[in-house]
C-alpha atoms as a PDB file:
ATOM      1  CA  MET A   1     -46.846  -5.265 -28.401  1.00  0.00           C
ATOM      2  CA  PRO A   2     -48.885  -4.711 -25.482  1.00  0.00           C
ATOM      3  CA  TYR A   3     -46.160  -5.432 -23.232  1.00  0.00           C
ATOM      4  CA  PHE A   4     -43.332  -3.556 -25.027  1.00  0.00           C
ATOM      5  CA  GLY A   5     -43.765  -0.683 -22.451  1.00  0.00           C
ATOM      6  CA  LEU A   6     -43.081  -2.933 -19.433  1.00  0.00           C
ATOM      7  CA  ILE A   7     -40.417  -4.531 -21.239  1.00  0.00           C
ATOM      8  CA  VAL A   8     -38.451  -1.415 -21.741  1.00  0.00           C
ATOM      9  CA  LEU A   9     -39.248  -0.314 -18.239  1.00  0.00           C
ATOM     10  CA  VAL A  10     -37.763  -3.339 -16.591  1.00  0.00           C
ATOM     11  CA  VAL A  11     -34.958  -3.295 -19.071  1.00  0.00           C
ATOM     12  CA  TRP A  12     -34.244   0.302 -17.930  1.00  0.00           C
ATOM     13  CA  VAL A  13     -34.419  -0.392 -14.198  1.00  0.00           C
ATOM     14  CA  ALA A  14     -32.253  -3.226 -14.576  1.00  0.00           C
ATOM     15  CA  ALA A  15     -29.738  -1.177 -16.527  1.00  0.00           C
ATOM     16  CA  LEU A  16     -30.068   1.844 -14.096  1.00  0.00           C
ATOM     17  CA  ILE A  17     -29.534  -0.574 -10.716  1.00  0.00           C
ATOM     18  CA  ASP A  18     -26.678  -2.196 -12.552  1.00  0.00           C
ATOM     19  CA  VAL A  19     -24.927   1.112 -13.382  1.00  0.00           C
ATOM     20  CA  ILE A  20     -25.355   2.115  -9.906  1.00  0.00           C
ATOM     21  CA  VAL A  21     -23.853  -0.829  -8.078  1.00  0.00           C
ATOM     22  CA  ALA A  22     -21.217  -1.390 -10.533  1.00  0.00           C
ATOM     23  CA  GLU A  23     -17.649  -0.466  -9.183  1.00  0.00           C
ATOM     24  CA  GLU A  24     -16.267   2.600 -10.646  1.00  0.00           C
ATOM     25  CA  TYR A  25     -12.835   1.301 -11.624  1.00  0.00           C
ATOM     26  CA  ARG A  26     -14.495  -1.676 -13.728  1.00  0.00           C
ATOM     27  CA  VAL A  27     -16.683   0.470 -15.814  1.00  0.00           C
ATOM     28  CA  ARG A  28     -15.763   0.580 -19.184  1.00  0.00           C
ATOM     29  CA  HIS A  29     -15.088   3.329 -21.587  1.00  0.00           C
ATOM     30  CA  LEU A  30     -16.982   6.286 -19.869  1.00  0.00           C
ATOM     31  CA  PRO A  31     -17.073   7.369 -16.152  1.00  0.00           C
ATOM     32  CA  LYS A  32     -19.864   6.039 -14.097  1.00  0.00           C
ATOM     33  CA  VAL A  33     -21.643   9.288 -13.773  1.00  0.00           C
ATOM     34  CA  VAL A  34     -21.856   9.402 -17.741  1.00  0.00           C
ATOM     35  CA  TRP A  35     -23.090   5.993 -17.753  1.00  0.00           C
ATOM     36  CA  VAL A  36     -26.037   6.683 -15.354  1.00  0.00           C
ATOM     37  CA  LEU A  37     -26.954   9.866 -17.593  1.00  0.00           C
ATOM     38  CA  ILE A  38     -26.902   7.954 -20.658  1.00  0.00           C
ATOM     39  CA  VAL A  39     -29.163   5.204 -19.096  1.00  0.00           C
ATOM     40  CA  ILE A  40     -31.506   7.828 -17.539  1.00  0.00           C
ATOM     41  CA  LEU A  41     -31.855  10.383 -20.557  1.00  0.00           C
ATOM     42  CA  LEU A  42     -32.185   7.288 -23.194  1.00  0.00           C
ATOM     43  CA  PRO A  43     -33.947   4.337 -21.382  1.00  0.00           C
ATOM     44  CA  LEU A  44     -34.262   1.661 -23.962  1.00  0.00           C
ATOM     45  CA  VAL A  45     -31.260   2.478 -26.204  1.00  0.00           C
ATOM     46  CA  GLY A  46     -28.878   3.723 -23.126  1.00  0.00           C
ATOM     47  CA  SER A  47     -29.877   0.395 -21.277  1.00  0.00           C
ATOM     48  CA  ILE A  48     -28.855  -1.646 -24.242  1.00  0.00           C
ATOM     49  CA  ILE A  49     -25.762   0.415 -24.855  1.00  0.00           C
ATOM     50  CA  TRP A  50     -24.833  -0.192 -20.913  1.00  0.00           C
ATOM     51  CA  PHE A  51     -25.123  -3.814 -21.302  1.00  0.00           C
ATOM     52  CA  LEU A  52     -23.185  -4.249 -24.650  1.00  0.00           C
ATOM     53  CA  VAL A  53     -20.469  -1.740 -24.065  1.00  0.00           C
ATOM     54  CA  GLY A  54     -20.214  -0.159 -20.497  1.00  0.00           C
ATOM     55  CA  ARG A  55     -20.846  -3.196 -18.247  1.00  0.00           C
ATOM     56  CA  PRO A  56     -17.697  -4.820 -16.410  1.00  0.00           C
ATOM     57  CA  GLU A  57     -16.733  -8.176 -17.807  1.00  0.00           C
ATOM     58  CA  GLY A  58     -16.575 -11.360 -15.766  1.00  0.00           C
ATOM     59  CA  VAL A  59     -16.672 -11.813 -12.160  1.00  0.00           C
ATOM     60  CA  ALA A  60     -15.751  -9.040  -9.831  1.00  0.00           C
ATOM     61  CA  GLY A  61     -11.803  -8.970  -9.379  1.00  0.00           C
ATOM     62  CA  SER A  62      -9.930  -7.526  -6.714  1.00  0.00           C
ATOM     63  CA  PRO A  63      -9.398  -3.471  -6.806  1.00  0.00           C
ATOM     64  CA  PRO A  64      -6.304  -2.271  -8.267  1.00  0.00           C
ATOM     65  CA  ALA A  65      -3.339  -1.923  -5.943  1.00  0.00           C
ATOM     66  CA  ARG A  66      -3.451   1.017  -3.510  1.00  0.00           C
ATOM     67  CA  THR A  67      -0.888   3.522  -3.720  1.00  0.00           C
ATOM     68  CA  THR A  68       0.655   5.942  -1.296  1.00  0.00           C
ATOM     69  CA  GLY A  69      -1.018   8.945  -2.993  1.00  0.00           C
ATOM     70  CA  PHE A  70       2.535  10.292  -3.426  1.00  0.00           C
ATOM     71  CA  PRO A  71       3.917   9.197  -6.641  1.00  0.00           C
ATOM     72  CA  GLU A  72       7.460   9.739  -5.733  1.00  0.00           C
ATOM     73  CA  TYR A  73       7.293   7.197  -3.429  1.00  0.00           C
ATOM     74  CA  GLU A  74       6.189   4.708  -6.102  1.00  0.00           C
ATOM     75  CA  ARG A  75       9.164   4.999  -8.330  1.00  0.00           C
ATOM     76  CA  PRO A  76      11.865   2.260  -8.105  1.00  0.00           C
ATOM     77  CA  GLU A  77      14.470   4.690  -7.435  1.00  0.00           C
ATOM     78  CA  TYR A  78      12.794   5.635  -4.082  1.00  0.00           C
ATOM     79  CA  LYS A  79      12.813   2.084  -3.281  1.00  0.00           C
ATOM     80  CA  ALA A  80      16.508   1.721  -4.163  1.00  0.00           C
ATOM     81  CA  ALA A  81      17.316   4.618  -2.186  1.00  0.00           C
ATOM     82  CA  ILE A  82      15.451   3.171   0.876  1.00  0.00           C
ATOM     83  CA  ALA A  83      17.213  -0.311   0.603  1.00  0.00           C
ATOM     84  CA  ALA A  84      20.636   1.533   0.238  1.00  0.00           C
ATOM     85  CA  ARG A  85      19.770   3.438   3.592  1.00  0.00           C
ATOM     86  CA  GLU A  86      19.408   0.271   5.362  1.00  0.00           C
ATOM     87  CA  ASP A  87      22.780  -0.811   3.932  1.00  0.00           C
ATOM     88  CA  ALA A  88      25.650  -0.924   6.507  1.00  0.00           C
ATOM     89  CA  GLU A  89      28.343  -0.108   4.037  1.00  0.00           C
ATOM     90  CA  PHE A  90      26.238   3.110   2.748  1.00  0.00           C
ATOM     91  CA  ARG A  91      26.097   4.114   6.115  1.00  0.00           C
ATOM     92  CA  ARG A  92      29.664   3.974   6.726  1.00  0.00           C
ATOM     93  CA  ARG A  93      30.522   6.177   3.596  1.00  0.00           C
ATOM     94  CA  ALA A  94      28.011   8.426   4.490  1.00  0.00           C
ATOM     95  CA  ARG A  95      29.419   9.098   7.711  1.00  0.00           C
ATOM     96  CA  GLU A  96      32.771   9.337   6.227  1.00  0.00           C
ATOM     97  CA  ARG A  97      31.465  11.931   3.642  1.00  0.00           C
ATOM     98  CA  ALA A  98      29.837  13.745   6.518  1.00  0.00           C
ATOM     99  CA  GLN A  99      33.011  13.911   8.483  1.00  0.00           C
ATOM    100  CA  GLU A 100      34.992  15.275   5.710  1.00  0.00           C
ATOM    101  CA  GLN A 101      32.326  17.887   4.870  1.00  0.00           C
ATOM    102  CA  ARG A 102      32.565  18.963   8.481  1.00  0.00           C
ATOM    103  CA  ARG A 103      36.361  19.212   8.469  1.00  0.00           C
ATOM    104  CA  ARG A 104      36.110  21.024   5.263  1.00  0.00           C
ATOM    105  CA  ALA A 105      33.786  23.846   6.471  1.00  0.00           C
ATOM    106  CA  GLU A 106      35.586  23.925   9.773  1.00  0.00           C
ATOM    107  CA  GLU A 107      38.871  24.652   8.015  1.00  0.00           C
ATOM    108  CA  LYS A 108      37.229  26.969   5.491  1.00  0.00           C
ATOM    109  CA  ASN A 109      35.504  28.934   8.643  1.00  0.00           C
ATOM    110  CA  GLY A 110      38.510  28.879  10.642  1.00  0.00           C
ATOM    111  CA  SER A 111      40.764  30.665   7.543  1.00  0.00           C
ATOM    112  CA  ALA A 112      37.934  32.960   6.860  1.00  0.00           C
ATOM    113  CA  GLY A 113      38.074  33.957  10.464  1.00  0.00           C
ATOM    114  CA  ASN A 114      41.401  34.566  10.307  1.00  0.00           C
ATOM    115  CA  ASP A 115      41.438  36.703   7.188  1.00  0.00           C
ATOM    116  CA  GLU A 116      38.728  39.034   8.989  1.00  0.00           C
ATOM    117  CA  SER A 117      40.770  39.391  12.020  1.00  0.00           C
ATOM    118  CA  GLU A 118      44.018  40.241  10.252  1.00  0.00           C
ATOM    119  CA  GLY A 119      42.305  43.106   8.411  1.00  0.00           C
ATOM    120  CA  ASP A 120      41.416  44.919  11.735  1.00  0.00           C
END
């Protein structure tokens, strides 16, 4: 039993170093900061709990896929819209719709202008 304190110290230091160098996204069950606090405040019990429950399993994998930071750009509808925008048929129909809208707007503005001038 004379070496129990030394064993606890070694396990505690090993657990603390392991928590600190563990990658945030791989730590299990609690945020990494909480694990650091648990290991610091409960040296033996916290270290054992870290090694049994919180430590990442297996070999280090690749980090999760990075996103743009804008969830609306990750949606499938957005990607379909981008693909459609590149489609020649879509562009042709869009031009036709735009020309039709311009024609209607000119007709509406032209007839509205005539109505106003008749009132004078």
